[in-house]
Amino acid sequence: MDNLLDLHRDLKNKTYRHSKYESFVITDPKRRLIHKASVRDRTLHRALYRILYSFFDKTFISDSFSCRNEKGVHKAVDRFRAFAYQVSQNHTRTCWVLKCDIKQFFWSIDHRILIRILGEYIPDKNIIWLLEKIIGSFETKNKRNIGLPLGNLTSQLFSNIYMNQFDQFVKHKLHIKHYVRYADDFVFLSDDKTSLKSLIPAIRSFLLFDLHLTLHPNKIFLKTFTSGVDFLGWVHFTDHRTLRTVTRRRMLQRIESHPTKETFQSYFGLLGHGNAKKLKQKLTSIHTLPIISL
């Protein structure tokens, strides 16, 4: 309680200062540098998130699925497949998919642009002052006013607010109906390959000039749905989806290194969202655990 009262006093007097971060590396699946805030700062992050999320979530498009209540990876995948079904007219026509990714997304978010966007929605200068303190508490190496820390709860919300500018551009300027975004991964679907290809310059230009973000040059793919589209951990085909090879390999390595009931069953839950009967059988033949329903 004493700590909370001290925090309240600092906020009221505008003497609040964000503490330094504790950094560490995780590799799940790829190497990521995580920055952990102090308990005092995380308490404030949570309080801000509870207030801001309920307001900003109403401004987001329905096909943005990252870090939102009643959304998530599985619903994003279901929406993607539903769109493929619509575009292909029950798989009777060719469905083309343009898949893109933003290079170093969290590390590239411009503080000044983010604060300007927040200011368009929040007229209270005291709130903006506090948000500036949190946003400005982190900078990427050798780049001032750039980057959000992976680890802050507020970073999840700020990234959605930032990318909502792009979502609105896609919907109201490009007039794209079949579009799904999860964080910095997004897909466009159409029966016209040429029209999808023509979107790339406009997408690249908006991201670069309006948000100071860069399309990853090695992660732009344009292919048919029937040939298999890798999106959010699964390779999707017309009548089934299979686990991405890298995800499958990581899962097997994880089970080998941590052969616990909890690890085993969590991956069974993952496999339940796709066509992985043979993989389930392989796991049960390797590991003997209490009865688990297939």
Protein backbone atom coordinates (compact mmCIF):
# COMPACT_ATOMS: atom_id res chain seq x y z
CA MET A 1 0.00 0.00 0.00
CA ASP A 2 2.88 2.38 0.79
CA ASN A 3 4.30 1.78 -2.68
CA LEU A 4 0.93 2.44 -4.32
CA LEU A 5 0.53 5.67 -2.39
CA ASP A 6 4.03 6.74 -3.42
CA LEU A 7 3.19 6.01 -7.05
CA HIS A 8 -0.06 7.96 -6.74
CA ARG A 9 1.81 10.95 -5.30
CA ASP A 10 4.40 10.89 -8.11
CA LEU A 11 1.66 10.77 -10.75
CA LYS A 12 -0.32 13.56 -9.13
CA ASN A 13 2.76 15.78 -8.80
CA LYS A 14 4.09 14.80 -12.23
CA THR A 15 7.34 13.59 -10.71
CA TYR A 16 6.90 10.03 -11.99
CA ARG A 17 9.91 8.54 -13.75
CA HIS A 18 9.93 5.13 -15.41
CA SER A 19 12.59 2.77 -14.04
CA LYS A 20 15.22 1.00 -16.14
CA TYR A 21 14.44 -2.34 -17.74
CA GLU A 22 15.87 -5.75 -17.00
CA SER A 23 16.75 -7.46 -20.28
CA PHE A 24 17.06 -11.14 -21.16
CA VAL A 25 16.90 -13.32 -24.27
CA ILE A 26 14.40 -16.02 -25.16
CA THR A 27 14.48 -18.39 -28.14
CA ASP A 28 10.92 -19.53 -28.76
CA PRO A 29 11.13 -20.08 -31.66
CA LYS A 30 13.51 -17.34 -32.76
CA ARG A 31 15.84 -15.25 -30.67
CA ARG A 32 14.07 -12.30 -29.02
CA LEU A 33 15.36 -9.69 -26.62
CA ILE A 34 12.83 -9.12 -23.84
CA HIS A 35 12.81 -6.05 -21.61
CA LYS A 36 11.13 -6.46 -18.22
CA ALA A 37 9.90 -3.42 -16.30
CA SER A 38 9.87 -3.11 -12.50
CA VAL A 39 6.82 -4.17 -10.47
CA ARG A 40 6.02 -0.51 -9.83
CA ASP A 41 6.00 0.29 -13.55
CA ARG A 42 4.13 -2.89 -14.50
CA THR A 43 1.41 -1.94 -12.00
CA LEU A 44 0.98 1.36 -13.81
CA HIS A 45 1.08 -0.37 -17.22
CA ARG A 46 -1.77 -2.63 -16.14
CA ALA A 47 -3.87 0.27 -14.85
CA LEU A 48 -3.39 2.21 -18.08
CA TYR A 49 -4.09 -0.83 -20.21
CA ARG A 50 -7.41 -1.49 -18.46
CA ILE A 51 -8.62 2.03 -19.24
CA LEU A 52 -7.19 2.50 -22.71
CA TYR A 53 -7.94 -0.95 -24.12
CA SER A 54 -11.72 -0.68 -23.71
CA PHE A 55 -11.70 2.60 -25.63
CA PHE A 56 -9.26 1.83 -28.43
CA ASP A 57 -10.53 -1.68 -29.09
CA LYS A 58 -13.74 -0.11 -30.44
CA THR A 59 -11.71 1.76 -33.06
CA PHE A 60 -10.02 -1.39 -34.44
CA ILE A 61 -11.28 -3.31 -37.46
CA SER A 62 -12.83 -6.72 -36.81
CA ASP A 63 -10.11 -8.52 -38.80
CA SER A 64 -7.25 -7.46 -36.51
CA PHE A 65 -6.65 -10.42 -34.17
CA SER A 66 -3.50 -9.87 -32.11
CA CYS A 67 -3.72 -9.24 -28.34
CA ARG A 68 -7.47 -8.60 -28.30
CA ASN A 69 -10.24 -10.08 -26.19
CA GLU A 70 -12.24 -12.79 -27.97
CA LYS A 71 -9.67 -12.83 -30.81
CA GLY A 72 -6.28 -14.59 -31.03
CA VAL A 73 -4.36 -16.89 -33.38
CA HIS A 74 -7.00 -19.58 -33.82
CA LYS A 75 -9.75 -17.11 -34.73
CA ALA A 76 -7.38 -15.35 -37.12
CA VAL A 77 -6.70 -18.69 -38.83
CA ASP A 78 -10.43 -19.47 -39.00
CA ARG A 79 -11.13 -16.06 -40.54
CA PHE A 80 -8.35 -16.57 -43.08
CA ARG A 81 -9.80 -19.91 -44.15
CA ALA A 82 -13.33 -18.47 -44.30
CA PHE A 83 -12.10 -15.73 -46.62
CA ALA A 84 -10.34 -18.30 -48.81
CA TYR A 85 -13.64 -20.20 -49.02
CA GLN A 86 -15.49 -17.03 -50.06
CA VAL A 87 -12.94 -15.86 -52.62
CA SER A 88 -12.63 -19.29 -54.23
CA GLN A 89 -16.43 -19.70 -54.23
CA ASN A 90 -16.31 -23.01 -52.41
CA HIS A 91 -12.94 -23.89 -53.98
CA THR A 92 -14.27 -23.71 -57.54
CA ARG A 93 -12.04 -20.76 -58.48
CA THR A 94 -8.41 -19.92 -57.87
CA CYS A 95 -7.78 -17.97 -54.67
CA TRP A 96 -4.57 -15.93 -54.58
CA VAL A 97 -2.96 -14.90 -51.30
CA LEU A 98 -0.56 -12.02 -50.77
CA LYS A 99 1.29 -12.47 -47.48
CA CYS A 100 3.51 -9.76 -45.98
CA ASP A 101 5.58 -9.13 -42.88
CA ILE A 102 7.10 -5.98 -41.37
CA LYS A 103 10.84 -5.93 -40.72
CA GLN A 104 11.73 -5.58 -37.00
CA PHE A 105 8.25 -4.31 -36.21
CA PHE A 106 8.40 -3.50 -32.49
CA TRP A 107 11.93 -2.12 -32.81
CA SER A 108 10.87 0.26 -35.60
CA ILE A 109 7.81 1.98 -34.10
CA ASP A 110 8.38 5.74 -34.10
CA HIS A 111 7.56 7.36 -30.73
CA ARG A 112 6.63 10.71 -32.27
CA ILE A 113 4.17 9.15 -34.71
CA LEU A 114 2.65 6.99 -31.96
CA ILE A 115 2.21 9.97 -29.61
CA ARG A 116 0.65 12.00 -32.42
CA ILE A 117 -1.85 9.19 -33.09
CA LEU A 118 -2.68 8.93 -29.39
CA GLY A 119 -3.16 12.70 -29.25
CA GLU A 120 -5.80 12.48 -31.99
CA TYR A 121 -7.94 10.38 -29.63
CA ILE A 122 -6.95 11.68 -26.19
CA PRO A 123 -7.46 15.43 -25.51
CA ASP A 124 -6.29 15.23 -21.86
CA LYS A 125 -2.74 16.61 -21.73
CA ASN A 126 -2.02 14.89 -18.40
CA ILE A 127 -2.72 11.47 -19.93
CA ILE A 128 -0.55 12.28 -22.94
CA TRP A 129 2.23 13.38 -20.57
CA LEU A 130 2.09 10.00 -18.82
CA LEU A 131 1.98 8.04 -22.08
CA GLU A 132 5.02 9.97 -23.28
CA LYS A 133 6.88 8.91 -20.13
CA ILE A 134 6.11 5.24 -20.76
CA ILE A 135 6.75 5.32 -24.49
CA GLY A 136 9.95 7.30 -24.02
CA SER A 137 11.24 4.92 -21.34
CA PHE A 138 12.68 2.68 -24.06
CA GLU A 139 14.77 3.26 -27.15
CA THR A 140 16.52 0.84 -29.46
CA LYS A 141 20.30 0.95 -29.55
CA ASN A 142 21.68 4.00 -31.37
CA LYS A 143 18.16 5.18 -32.36
CA ARG A 144 16.42 7.91 -30.40
CA ASN A 145 12.63 7.89 -30.13
CA ILE A 146 12.36 4.53 -31.88
CA GLY A 147 11.09 1.15 -30.64
CA LEU A 148 8.79 -0.46 -28.09
CA PRO A 149 9.99 -3.08 -25.59
CA LEU A 150 8.88 -6.67 -26.02
CA GLY A 151 7.65 -7.39 -22.51
CA ASN A 152 5.47 -4.38 -21.71
CA LEU A 153 1.71 -4.98 -21.65
CA THR A 154 1.29 -1.47 -23.04
CA SER A 155 3.46 -2.34 -26.06
CA GLN A 156 0.81 -4.80 -27.25
CA LEU A 157 -1.85 -2.11 -27.19
CA PHE A 158 0.38 0.61 -28.63
CA SER A 159 1.35 -1.63 -31.54
CA ASN A 160 -2.31 -2.24 -32.38
CA ILE A 161 -3.06 1.48 -32.18
CA TYR A 162 -0.09 2.12 -34.47
CA MET A 163 -1.06 -0.53 -37.02
CA ASN A 164 -4.72 0.50 -36.92
CA GLN A 165 -3.62 3.37 -39.15
CA PHE A 166 -2.58 0.78 -41.73
CA ASP A 167 -5.76 -1.26 -41.23
CA GLN A 168 -7.89 1.83 -41.90
CA PHE A 169 -5.82 2.58 -45.00
CA VAL A 170 -6.38 -0.94 -46.29
CA LYS A 171 -10.12 -0.78 -45.69
CA HIS A 172 -10.97 2.79 -46.68
CA LYS A 173 -8.31 3.72 -49.22
CA LEU A 174 -7.45 0.41 -50.86
CA HIS A 175 -11.01 -0.91 -50.27
CA ILE A 176 -9.84 -4.44 -49.51
CA LYS A 177 -12.52 -6.74 -48.11
CA HIS A 178 -10.53 -9.95 -47.63
CA TYR A 179 -7.72 -8.93 -45.29
CA VAL A 180 -6.49 -10.44 -42.00
CA ARG A 181 -3.80 -9.07 -39.70
CA TYR A 182 -2.14 -10.60 -36.65
CA ALA A 183 0.52 -8.23 -35.21
CA ASP A 184 2.92 -7.58 -38.11
CA ASP A 185 1.79 -10.55 -40.23
CA PHE A 186 -1.01 -9.82 -42.69
CA VAL A 187 -2.63 -11.39 -45.73
CA PHE A 188 -4.78 -10.21 -48.63
CA LEU A 189 -6.95 -12.62 -50.62
CA SER A 190 -8.38 -12.24 -54.13
CA ASP A 191 -9.22 -14.21 -57.26
CA ASP A 192 -7.18 -11.66 -59.23
CA LYS A 193 -3.42 -12.13 -58.99
CA THR A 194 -2.67 -8.89 -60.82
CA SER A 195 -4.72 -6.77 -58.44
CA LEU A 196 -2.90 -8.24 -55.42
CA LYS A 197 0.49 -7.66 -57.01
CA SER A 198 -0.45 -4.05 -57.70
CA LEU A 199 -1.11 -3.49 -53.97
CA ILE A 200 2.52 -3.99 -52.98
CA PRO A 201 3.82 -0.52 -53.94
CA ALA A 202 0.93 1.22 -52.16
CA ILE A 203 1.40 -0.93 -49.05
CA ARG A 204 5.14 -0.34 -49.00
CA SER A 205 4.71 3.41 -49.51
CA PHE A 206 2.13 3.89 -46.75
CA LEU A 207 4.11 1.88 -44.22
CA LEU A 208 7.33 3.72 -45.04
CA PHE A 209 6.12 7.32 -45.29
CA ASP A 210 3.22 7.31 -42.81
CA LEU A 211 4.48 4.89 -40.17
CA HIS A 212 8.25 4.66 -40.84
CA LEU A 213 7.97 0.88 -41.15
CA THR A 214 9.57 -1.38 -43.76
CA LEU A 215 8.10 -4.39 -45.51
CA HIS A 216 10.43 -7.35 -45.02
CA PRO A 217 11.83 -7.90 -48.53
CA ASN A 218 12.25 -11.64 -47.99
CA LYS A 219 8.78 -12.21 -46.58
CA ILE A 220 6.50 -11.06 -49.37
CA PHE A 221 4.74 -14.06 -50.91
CA LEU A 222 2.09 -14.23 -53.62
CA LYS A 223 0.77 -17.73 -54.26
CA THR A 224 -2.39 -19.76 -54.66
CA PHE A 225 -4.21 -21.12 -51.64
CA THR A 226 -4.19 -24.62 -53.14
CA SER A 227 -0.37 -24.64 -53.25
CA GLY A 228 -0.21 -24.21 -49.46
CA VAL A 229 0.04 -20.89 -47.59
CA ASP A 230 2.14 -20.62 -44.45
CA PHE A 231 0.27 -18.35 -42.01
CA LEU A 232 0.43 -18.21 -38.20
CA GLY A 233 2.18 -21.52 -37.65
CA TRP A 234 0.14 -23.64 -40.06
CA VAL A 235 0.44 -24.43 -43.77
CA HIS A 236 -3.07 -24.08 -45.18
CA PHE A 237 -4.54 -26.03 -48.10
CA THR A 238 -8.09 -26.14 -49.43
CA ASP A 239 -9.26 -29.13 -47.38
CA HIS A 240 -6.76 -29.30 -44.51
CA ARG A 241 -3.91 -27.59 -42.70
CA THR A 242 -0.66 -29.02 -41.42
CA LEU A 243 1.75 -27.85 -38.77
CA ARG A 244 4.64 -25.76 -40.09
CA THR A 245 7.84 -27.85 -40.30
CA VAL A 246 9.77 -25.52 -37.98
CA THR A 247 6.92 -25.59 -35.44
CA ARG A 248 6.76 -29.37 -35.61
CA ARG A 249 10.51 -29.69 -35.07
CA ARG A 250 10.43 -27.28 -32.14
CA MET A 251 7.52 -29.15 -30.58
CA LEU A 252 9.34 -32.49 -30.72
CA GLN A 253 12.50 -30.93 -29.27
CA ARG A 254 10.51 -29.34 -26.47
CA ILE A 255 8.82 -32.61 -25.58
CA GLU A 256 12.15 -34.44 -25.60
CA SER A 257 13.73 -31.88 -23.26
CA HIS A 258 10.64 -31.44 -21.02
CA PRO A 259 8.70 -34.76 -21.19
CA THR A 260 6.07 -33.72 -18.67
CA LYS A 261 2.37 -34.38 -18.77
CA GLU A 262 1.67 -30.65 -19.01
CA THR A 263 4.01 -30.15 -21.99
CA PHE A 264 2.61 -33.18 -23.76
CA GLN A 265 -1.03 -32.18 -23.30
CA SER A 266 -0.46 -28.54 -24.26
CA TYR A 267 0.88 -29.67 -27.64
CA PHE A 268 -2.02 -32.08 -28.02
CA GLY A 269 -4.26 -29.05 -27.63
CA LEU A 270 -2.34 -27.26 -30.40
CA LEU A 271 -2.53 -30.24 -32.74
CA GLY A 272 -6.29 -30.37 -32.23
CA HIS A 273 -6.61 -27.24 -34.37
CA GLY A 274 -5.29 -28.92 -37.52
CA ASN A 275 -4.85 -32.19 -39.37
CA ALA A 276 -2.22 -33.95 -37.28
CA LYS A 277 -3.54 -37.42 -36.53
CA LYS A 278 -0.30 -39.14 -37.56
CA LEU A 279 1.76 -36.72 -35.49
CA LYS A 280 -0.45 -37.39 -32.46
CA GLN A 281 0.04 -41.12 -32.95
CA LYS A 282 3.80 -40.62 -33.18
CA LEU A 283 3.83 -38.72 -29.91
CA THR A 284 1.78 -41.32 -28.08
CA SER A 285 4.05 -44.08 -29.38
CA ILE A 286 7.10 -42.27 -27.97
CA HIS A 287 5.67 -41.05 -24.67
CA THR A 288 3.50 -43.02 -22.27
CA LEU A 289 1.27 -40.81 -20.13
CA PRO A 290 -2.10 -41.21 -18.38
CA ILE A 291 -5.05 -41.69 -20.76
CA ILE A 292 -5.30 -38.85 -23.28
CA SER A 293 -8.12 -38.82 -25.78
CA LEU A 294 -7.21 -38.71 -29.44
